[in-house]
Amino acid sequence: MPSVTIGVPVYNGESLIGQCLDCLTRQTCADIEIIVSDNASTDRTAAIVRDHASRDSRIKLICQPENIGLMGNF
């Protein structure tokens, strides 16, 4: 088990999600997992996260099948 879990709820975040994941993966605490919950985005958010996840096994993606609202996605 990683010592730290970071949750990243996102909706249509293609303009910033790559920078966010780059920042999180560069943290000094290496024993982390990053769980991105995509709230049925209609842009390239999920594709960008998948690309990052293919290069860093600490990143996990959960894609909601429909928009469940802000609080539901948290």
PDB file of N, CA and C in Angstrom:
ATOM      1  N   MET A   1       0.839  -1.187   0.000  1.00  0.00           N
ATOM      2  CA  MET A   1       0.000   0.000   0.000  1.00  0.00           C
ATOM      3  C   MET A   1       0.882   1.247   0.000  1.00  0.00           C
ATOM      4  N   PRO A   2       0.565   2.189  -0.858  1.00  0.00           N
ATOM      5  CA  PRO A   2       1.283   3.461  -0.821  1.00  0.00           C
ATOM      6  C   PRO A   2       0.992   4.189   0.495  1.00  0.00           C
ATOM      7  N   SER A   3       1.917   5.013   0.921  1.00  0.00           N
ATOM      8  CA  SER A   3       1.709   5.750   2.163  1.00  0.00           C
ATOM      9  C   SER A   3       0.796   6.959   1.981  1.00  0.00           C
ATOM     10  N   VAL A   4       0.650   7.447   0.739  1.00  0.00           N
ATOM     11  CA  VAL A   4      -0.180   8.616   0.458  1.00  0.00           C
ATOM     12  C   VAL A   4      -1.020   8.348  -0.793  1.00  0.00           C
ATOM     13  N   THR A   5      -2.321   8.630  -0.695  1.00  0.00           N
ATOM     14  CA  THR A   5      -3.213   8.567  -1.854  1.00  0.00           C
ATOM     15  C   THR A   5      -3.682   9.977  -2.156  1.00  0.00           C
ATOM     16  N   ILE A   6      -3.535  10.379  -3.407  1.00  0.00           N
ATOM     17  CA  ILE A   6      -3.961  11.708  -3.846  1.00  0.00           C
ATOM     18  C   ILE A   6      -5.134  11.530  -4.794  1.00  0.00           C
ATOM     19  N   GLY A   7      -6.259  12.145  -4.463  1.00  0.00           N
ATOM     20  CA  GLY A   7      -7.437  12.102  -5.317  1.00  0.00           C
ATOM     21  C   GLY A   7      -7.525  13.350  -6.172  1.00  0.00           C
ATOM     22  N   VAL A   8      -7.775  13.164  -7.462  1.00  0.00           N
ATOM     23  CA  VAL A   8      -7.882  14.293  -8.393  1.00  0.00           C
ATOM     24  C   VAL A   8      -9.217  14.176  -9.127  1.00  0.00           C
ATOM     25  N   PRO A   9     -10.264  14.845  -8.623  1.00  0.00           N
ATOM     26  CA  PRO A   9     -11.521  14.866  -9.362  1.00  0.00           C
ATOM     27  C   PRO A   9     -11.399  15.868 -10.511  1.00  0.00           C
ATOM     28  N   VAL A  10     -11.904  15.502 -11.687  1.00  0.00           N
ATOM     29  CA  VAL A  10     -11.742  16.390 -12.840  1.00  0.00           C
ATOM     30  C   VAL A  10     -12.925  16.256 -13.783  1.00  0.00           C
ATOM     31  N   TYR A  11     -13.239  17.366 -14.441  1.00  0.00           N
ATOM     32  CA  TYR A  11     -14.247  17.387 -15.503  1.00  0.00           C
ATOM     33  C   TYR A  11     -13.773  18.353 -16.571  1.00  0.00           C
ATOM     34  N   ASN A  12     -13.619  17.869 -17.791  1.00  0.00           N
ATOM     35  CA  ASN A  12     -13.153  18.692 -18.917  1.00  0.00           C
ATOM     36  C   ASN A  12     -11.917  19.512 -18.541  1.00  0.00           C
ATOM     37  N   GLY A  13     -10.915  18.813 -18.040  1.00  0.00           N
ATOM     38  CA  GLY A  13      -9.706  19.486 -17.569  1.00  0.00           C
ATOM     39  C   GLY A  13      -8.507  19.321 -18.478  1.00  0.00           C
ATOM     40  N   GLU A  14      -8.738  19.116 -19.770  1.00  0.00           N
ATOM     41  CA  GLU A  14      -7.615  18.838 -20.665  1.00  0.00           C
ATOM     42  C   GLU A  14      -6.562  19.937 -20.674  1.00  0.00           C
ATOM     43  N   SER A  15      -6.928  21.162 -20.385  1.00  0.00           N
ATOM     44  CA  SER A  15      -5.948  22.247 -20.446  1.00  0.00           C
ATOM     45  C   SER A  15      -4.967  22.214 -19.277  1.00  0.00           C
ATOM     46  N   LEU A  16      -5.332  21.570 -18.164  1.00  0.00           N
ATOM     47  CA  LEU A  16      -4.465  21.590 -16.985  1.00  0.00           C
ATOM     48  C   LEU A  16      -4.116  20.224 -16.402  1.00  0.00           C
ATOM     49  N   ILE A  17      -4.811  19.168 -16.790  1.00  0.00           N
ATOM     50  CA  ILE A  17      -4.591  17.877 -16.136  1.00  0.00           C
ATOM     51  C   ILE A  17      -3.175  17.348 -16.349  1.00  0.00           C
ATOM     52  N   GLY A  18      -2.596  17.578 -17.491  1.00  0.00           N
ATOM     53  CA  GLY A  18      -1.219  17.133 -17.732  1.00  0.00           C
ATOM     54  C   GLY A  18      -0.246  17.818 -16.791  1.00  0.00           C
ATOM     55  N   GLN A  19      -0.372  19.124 -16.639  1.00  0.00           N
ATOM     56  CA  GLN A  19       0.492  19.871 -15.713  1.00  0.00           C
ATOM     57  C   GLN A  19       0.275  19.405 -14.278  1.00  0.00           C
ATOM     58  N   CYS A  20      -0.970  19.146 -13.919  1.00  0.00           N
ATOM     59  CA  CYS A  20      -1.292  18.668 -12.579  1.00  0.00           C
ATOM     60  C   CYS A  20      -0.588  17.341 -12.303  1.00  0.00           C
ATOM     61  N   LEU A  21      -0.701  16.399 -13.221  1.00  0.00           N
ATOM     62  CA  LEU A  21      -0.077  15.091 -13.030  1.00  0.00           C
ATOM     63  C   LEU A  21       1.440  15.188 -13.032  1.00  0.00           C
ATOM     64  N   ASP A  22       2.000  16.035 -13.872  1.00  0.00           N
ATOM     65  CA  ASP A  22       3.451  16.241 -13.866  1.00  0.00           C
ATOM     66  C   ASP A  22       3.914  16.735 -12.502  1.00  0.00           C
ATOM     67  N   CYS A  23       3.192  17.681 -11.950  1.00  0.00           N
ATOM     68  CA  CYS A  23       3.533  18.240 -10.645  1.00  0.00           C
ATOM     69  C   CYS A  23       3.431  17.176  -9.553  1.00  0.00           C
ATOM     70  N   LEU A  24       2.357  16.413  -9.556  1.00  0.00           N
ATOM     71  CA  LEU A  24       2.160  15.398  -8.521  1.00  0.00           C
ATOM     72  C   LEU A  24       3.202  14.297  -8.583  1.00  0.00           C
ATOM     73  N   THR A  25       3.602  13.892  -9.772  1.00  0.00           N
ATOM     74  CA  THR A  25       4.572  12.801  -9.894  1.00  0.00           C
ATOM     75  C   THR A  25       5.995  13.247  -9.564  1.00  0.00           C
ATOM     76  N   ARG A  26       6.225  14.542  -9.499  1.00  0.00           N
ATOM     77  CA  ARG A  26       7.560  15.059  -9.143  1.00  0.00           C
ATOM     78  C   ARG A  26       7.717  15.329  -7.647  1.00  0.00           C
ATOM     79  N   GLN A  27       6.732  15.002  -6.841  1.00  0.00           N
ATOM     80  CA  GLN A  27       6.821  15.241  -5.404  1.00  0.00           C
ATOM     81  C   GLN A  27       7.956  14.431  -4.787  1.00  0.00           C
ATOM     82  N   THR A  28       8.489  14.924  -3.686  1.00  0.00           N
ATOM     83  CA  THR A  28       9.602  14.233  -3.040  1.00  0.00           C
ATOM     84  C   THR A  28       9.163  12.929  -2.379  1.00  0.00           C
ATOM     85  N   CYS A  29       7.902  12.827  -2.015  1.00  0.00           N
ATOM     86  CA  CYS A  29       7.377  11.573  -1.474  1.00  0.00           C
ATOM     87  C   CYS A  29       7.043  10.671  -2.659  1.00  0.00           C
ATOM     88  N   ALA A  30       7.837   9.642  -2.858  1.00  0.00           N
ATOM     89  CA  ALA A  30       7.654   8.772  -4.030  1.00  0.00           C
ATOM     90  C   ALA A  30       6.629   7.678  -3.787  1.00  0.00           C
ATOM     91  N   ASP A  31       6.321   7.397  -2.518  1.00  0.00           N
ATOM     92  CA  ASP A  31       5.417   6.306  -2.166  1.00  0.00           C
ATOM     93  C   ASP A  31       3.964   6.798  -2.206  1.00  0.00           C
ATOM     94  N   ILE A  32       3.490   7.108  -3.409  1.00  0.00           N
ATOM     95  CA  ILE A  32       2.143   7.670  -3.576  1.00  0.00           C
ATOM     96  C   ILE A  32       1.371   6.907  -4.639  1.00  0.00           C
ATOM     97  N   GLU A  33       0.067   7.070  -4.587  1.00  0.00           N
ATOM     98  CA  GLU A  33      -0.782   6.682  -5.711  1.00  0.00           C
ATOM     99  C   GLU A  33      -1.645   7.899  -6.029  1.00  0.00           C
ATOM    100  N   ILE A  34      -1.930   8.078  -7.290  1.00  0.00           N
ATOM    101  CA  ILE A  34      -2.724   9.211  -7.750  1.00  0.00           C
ATOM    102  C   ILE A  34      -3.948   8.633  -8.441  1.00  0.00           C
ATOM    103  N   ILE A  35      -5.107   8.914  -7.872  1.00  0.00           N
ATOM    104  CA  ILE A  35      -6.354   8.403  -8.439  1.00  0.00           C
ATOM    105  C   ILE A  35      -7.104   9.573  -9.063  1.00  0.00           C
ATOM    106  N   VAL A  36      -7.248   9.527 -10.376  1.00  0.00           N
ATOM    107  CA  VAL A  36      -7.972  10.564 -11.110  1.00  0.00           C
ATOM    108  C   VAL A  36      -9.375  10.052 -11.383  1.00  0.00           C
ATOM    109  N   SER A  37     -10.371  10.817 -10.937  1.00  0.00           N
ATOM    110  CA  SER A  37     -11.763  10.470 -11.198  1.00  0.00           C
ATOM    111  C   SER A  37     -12.306  11.441 -12.246  1.00  0.00           C
ATOM    112  N   ASP A  38     -12.471  10.937 -13.458  1.00  0.00           N
ATOM    113  CA  ASP A  38     -12.965  11.753 -14.570  1.00  0.00           C
ATOM    114  C   ASP A  38     -14.489  11.679 -14.596  1.00  0.00           C
ATOM    115  N   ASN A  39     -15.123  12.826 -14.444  1.00  0.00           N
ATOM    116  CA  ASN A  39     -16.578  12.919 -14.331  1.00  0.00           C
ATOM    117  C   ASN A  39     -17.249  13.013 -15.703  1.00  0.00           C
ATOM    118  N   ALA A  40     -17.004  12.011 -16.545  1.00  0.00           N
ATOM    119  CA  ALA A  40     -17.600  11.933 -17.888  1.00  0.00           C
ATOM    120  C   ALA A  40     -17.240  13.140 -18.750  1.00  0.00           C
ATOM    121  N   SER A  41     -15.967  13.481 -18.749  1.00  0.00           N
ATOM    122  CA  SER A  41     -15.503  14.612 -19.561  1.00  0.00           C
ATOM    123  C   SER A  41     -15.814  14.394 -21.038  1.00  0.00           C
ATOM    124  N   THR A  42     -16.021  15.490 -21.738  1.00  0.00           N
ATOM    125  CA  THR A  42     -16.302  15.442 -23.174  1.00  0.00           C
ATOM    126  C   THR A  42     -15.107  15.916 -24.002  1.00  0.00           C
ATOM    127  N   ASP A  43     -13.988  16.165 -23.331  1.00  0.00           N
ATOM    128  CA  ASP A  43     -12.780  16.596 -24.030  1.00  0.00           C
ATOM    129  C   ASP A  43     -11.729  15.469 -23.952  1.00  0.00           C
ATOM    130  N   ARG A  44     -10.478  15.797 -24.074  1.00  0.00           N
ATOM    131  CA  ARG A  44      -9.401  14.791 -24.098  1.00  0.00           C
ATOM    132  C   ARG A  44      -8.837  14.465 -22.718  1.00  0.00           C
ATOM    133  N   THR A  45      -9.537  14.823 -21.659  1.00  0.00           N
ATOM    134  CA  THR A  45      -9.022  14.601 -20.303  1.00  0.00           C
ATOM    135  C   THR A  45      -8.611  13.144 -20.081  1.00  0.00           C
ATOM    136  N   ALA A  46      -9.499  12.199 -20.332  1.00  0.00           N
ATOM    137  CA  ALA A  46      -9.210  10.786 -20.075  1.00  0.00           C
ATOM    138  C   ALA A  46      -8.015  10.307 -20.904  1.00  0.00           C
ATOM    139  N   ALA A  47      -7.912  10.725 -22.139  1.00  0.00           N
ATOM    140  CA  ALA A  47      -6.790  10.318 -22.990  1.00  0.00           C
ATOM    141  C   ALA A  47      -5.463  10.836 -22.436  1.00  0.00           C
ATOM    142  N   ILE A  48      -5.469  12.041 -21.938  1.00  0.00           N
ATOM    143  CA  ILE A  48      -4.247  12.625 -21.361  1.00  0.00           C
ATOM    144  C   ILE A  48      -3.852  11.859 -20.106  1.00  0.00           C
ATOM    145  N   VAL A  49      -4.828  11.545 -19.262  1.00  0.00           N
ATOM    146  CA  VAL A  49      -4.536  10.779 -18.048  1.00  0.00           C
ATOM    147  C   VAL A  49      -4.030   9.388 -18.408  1.00  0.00           C
ATOM    148  N   ARG A  50      -4.651   8.739 -19.375  1.00  0.00           N
ATOM    149  CA  ARG A  50      -4.199   7.406 -19.801  1.00  0.00           C
ATOM    150  C   ARG A  50      -2.743   7.449 -20.289  1.00  0.00           C
ATOM    151  N   ASP A  51      -2.406   8.489 -21.035  1.00  0.00           N
ATOM    152  CA  ASP A  51      -1.034   8.633 -21.521  1.00  0.00           C
ATOM    153  C   ASP A  51      -0.064   8.742 -20.350  1.00  0.00           C
ATOM    154  N   HIS A  52      -0.393   9.573 -19.372  1.00  0.00           N
ATOM    155  CA  HIS A  52       0.472   9.708 -18.196  1.00  0.00           C
ATOM    156  C   HIS A  52       0.547   8.394 -17.418  1.00  0.00           C
ATOM    157  N   ALA A  53      -0.592   7.712 -17.280  1.00  0.00           N
ATOM    158  CA  ALA A  53      -0.632   6.448 -16.546  1.00  0.00           C
ATOM    159  C   ALA A  53       0.200   5.373 -17.229  1.00  0.00           C
ATOM    160  N   SER A  54       0.285   5.430 -18.551  1.00  0.00           N
ATOM    161  CA  SER A  54       1.092   4.439 -19.268  1.00  0.00           C
ATOM    162  C   SER A  54       2.577   4.622 -18.975  1.00  0.00           C
ATOM    163  N   ARG A  55       2.943   5.804 -18.532  1.00  0.00           N
ATOM    164  CA  ARG A  55       4.347   6.094 -18.216  1.00  0.00           C
ATOM    165  C   ARG A  55       4.640   6.075 -16.719  1.00  0.00           C
ATOM    166  N   ASP A  56       3.593   6.068 -15.890  1.00  0.00           N
ATOM    167  CA  ASP A  56       3.795   6.088 -14.438  1.00  0.00           C
ATOM    168  C   ASP A  56       2.712   5.230 -13.785  1.00  0.00           C
ATOM    169  N   SER A  57       3.107   4.083 -13.254  1.00  0.00           N
ATOM    170  CA  SER A  57       2.144   3.130 -12.702  1.00  0.00           C
ATOM    171  C   SER A  57       1.461   3.613 -11.424  1.00  0.00           C
ATOM    172  N   ARG A  58       1.898   4.722 -10.871  1.00  0.00           N
ATOM    173  CA  ARG A  58       1.251   5.265  -9.669  1.00  0.00           C
ATOM    174  C   ARG A  58      -0.060   5.967  -9.988  1.00  0.00           C
ATOM    175  N   ILE A  59      -0.307   6.235 -11.279  1.00  0.00           N
ATOM    176  CA  ILE A  59      -1.517   6.953 -11.696  1.00  0.00           C
ATOM    177  C   ILE A  59      -2.591   5.954 -12.087  1.00  0.00           C
ATOM    178  N   LYS A  60      -3.771   6.114 -11.509  1.00  0.00           N
ATOM    179  CA  LYS A  60      -4.937   5.276 -11.819  1.00  0.00           C
ATOM    180  C   LYS A  60      -6.060   6.190 -12.308  1.00  0.00           C
ATOM    181  N   LEU A  61      -6.838   5.713 -13.254  1.00  0.00           N
ATOM    182  CA  LEU A  61      -7.944   6.494 -13.811  1.00  0.00           C
ATOM    183  C   LEU A  61      -9.260   5.775 -13.571  1.00  0.00           C
ATOM    184  N   ILE A  62     -10.220   6.510 -13.049  1.00  0.00           N
ATOM    185  CA  ILE A  62     -11.595   6.032 -12.932  1.00  0.00           C
ATOM    186  C   ILE A  62     -12.441   6.950 -13.812  1.00  0.00           C
ATOM    187  N   CYS A  63     -13.135   6.377 -14.788  1.00  0.00           N
ATOM    188  CA  CYS A  63     -14.003   7.173 -15.672  1.00  0.00           C
ATOM    189  C   CYS A  63     -15.455   6.930 -15.287  1.00  0.00           C
ATOM    190  N   GLN A  64     -16.121   7.980 -14.863  1.00  0.00           N
ATOM    191  CA  GLN A  64     -17.544   7.875 -14.557  1.00  0.00           C
ATOM    192  C   GLN A  64     -18.301   7.738 -15.878  1.00  0.00           C
ATOM    193  N   PRO A  65     -19.282   6.843 -15.957  1.00  0.00           N
ATOM    194  CA  PRO A  65     -20.013   6.643 -17.217  1.00  0.00           C
ATOM    195  C   PRO A  65     -20.938   7.812 -17.562  1.00  0.00           C
ATOM    196  N   GLU A  66     -21.320   8.568 -16.545  1.00  0.00           N
ATOM    197  CA  GLU A  66     -22.118   9.787 -16.764  1.00  0.00           C
ATOM    198  C   GLU A  66     -21.717  10.798 -15.706  1.00  0.00           C
ATOM    199  N   ASN A  67     -22.022  12.055 -15.961  1.00  0.00           N
ATOM    200  CA  ASN A  67     -21.670  13.115 -15.009  1.00  0.00           C
ATOM    201  C   ASN A  67     -22.495  12.921 -13.740  1.00  0.00           C
ATOM    202  N   ILE A  68     -21.799  12.709 -12.627  1.00  0.00           N
ATOM    203  CA  ILE A  68     -22.462  12.465 -11.352  1.00  0.00           C
ATOM    204  C   ILE A  68     -22.412  13.679 -10.425  1.00  0.00           C
ATOM    205  N   GLY A  69     -22.014  14.795 -10.961  1.00  0.00           N
ATOM    206  CA  GLY A  69     -21.945  16.023 -10.184  1.00  0.00           C
ATOM    207  C   GLY A  69     -20.642  16.155  -9.426  1.00  0.00           C
ATOM    208  N   LEU A  70     -20.378  17.362  -8.990  1.00  0.00           N
ATOM    209  CA  LEU A  70     -19.117  17.676  -8.316  1.00  0.00           C
ATOM    210  C   LEU A  70     -18.911  16.827  -7.069  1.00  0.00           C
ATOM    211  N   MET A  71     -19.865  16.838  -6.163  1.00  0.00           N
ATOM    212  CA  MET A  71     -19.708  16.104  -4.909  1.00  0.00           C
ATOM    213  C   MET A  71     -19.648  14.591  -5.135  1.00  0.00           C
ATOM    214  N   GLY A  72     -20.438  14.089  -6.051  1.00  0.00           N
ATOM    215  CA  GLY A  72     -20.394  12.660  -6.359  1.00  0.00           C
ATOM    216  C   GLY A  72     -19.040  12.233  -6.882  1.00  0.00           C
ATOM    217  N   ASN A  73     -18.401  13.079  -7.650  1.00  0.00           N
ATOM    218  CA  ASN A  73     -17.109  12.752  -8.232  1.00  0.00           C
ATOM    219  C   ASN A  73     -15.986  12.799  -7.196  1.00  0.00           C
ATOM    220  N   PHE A  74     -16.191  13.544  -6.117  1.00  0.00           N
ATOM    221  CA  PHE A  74     -15.216  13.550  -5.036  1.00  0.00           C
ATOM    222  C   PHE A  74     -15.246  12.214  -4.325  1.00  0.00           C
TER     223      PHE A  74
END
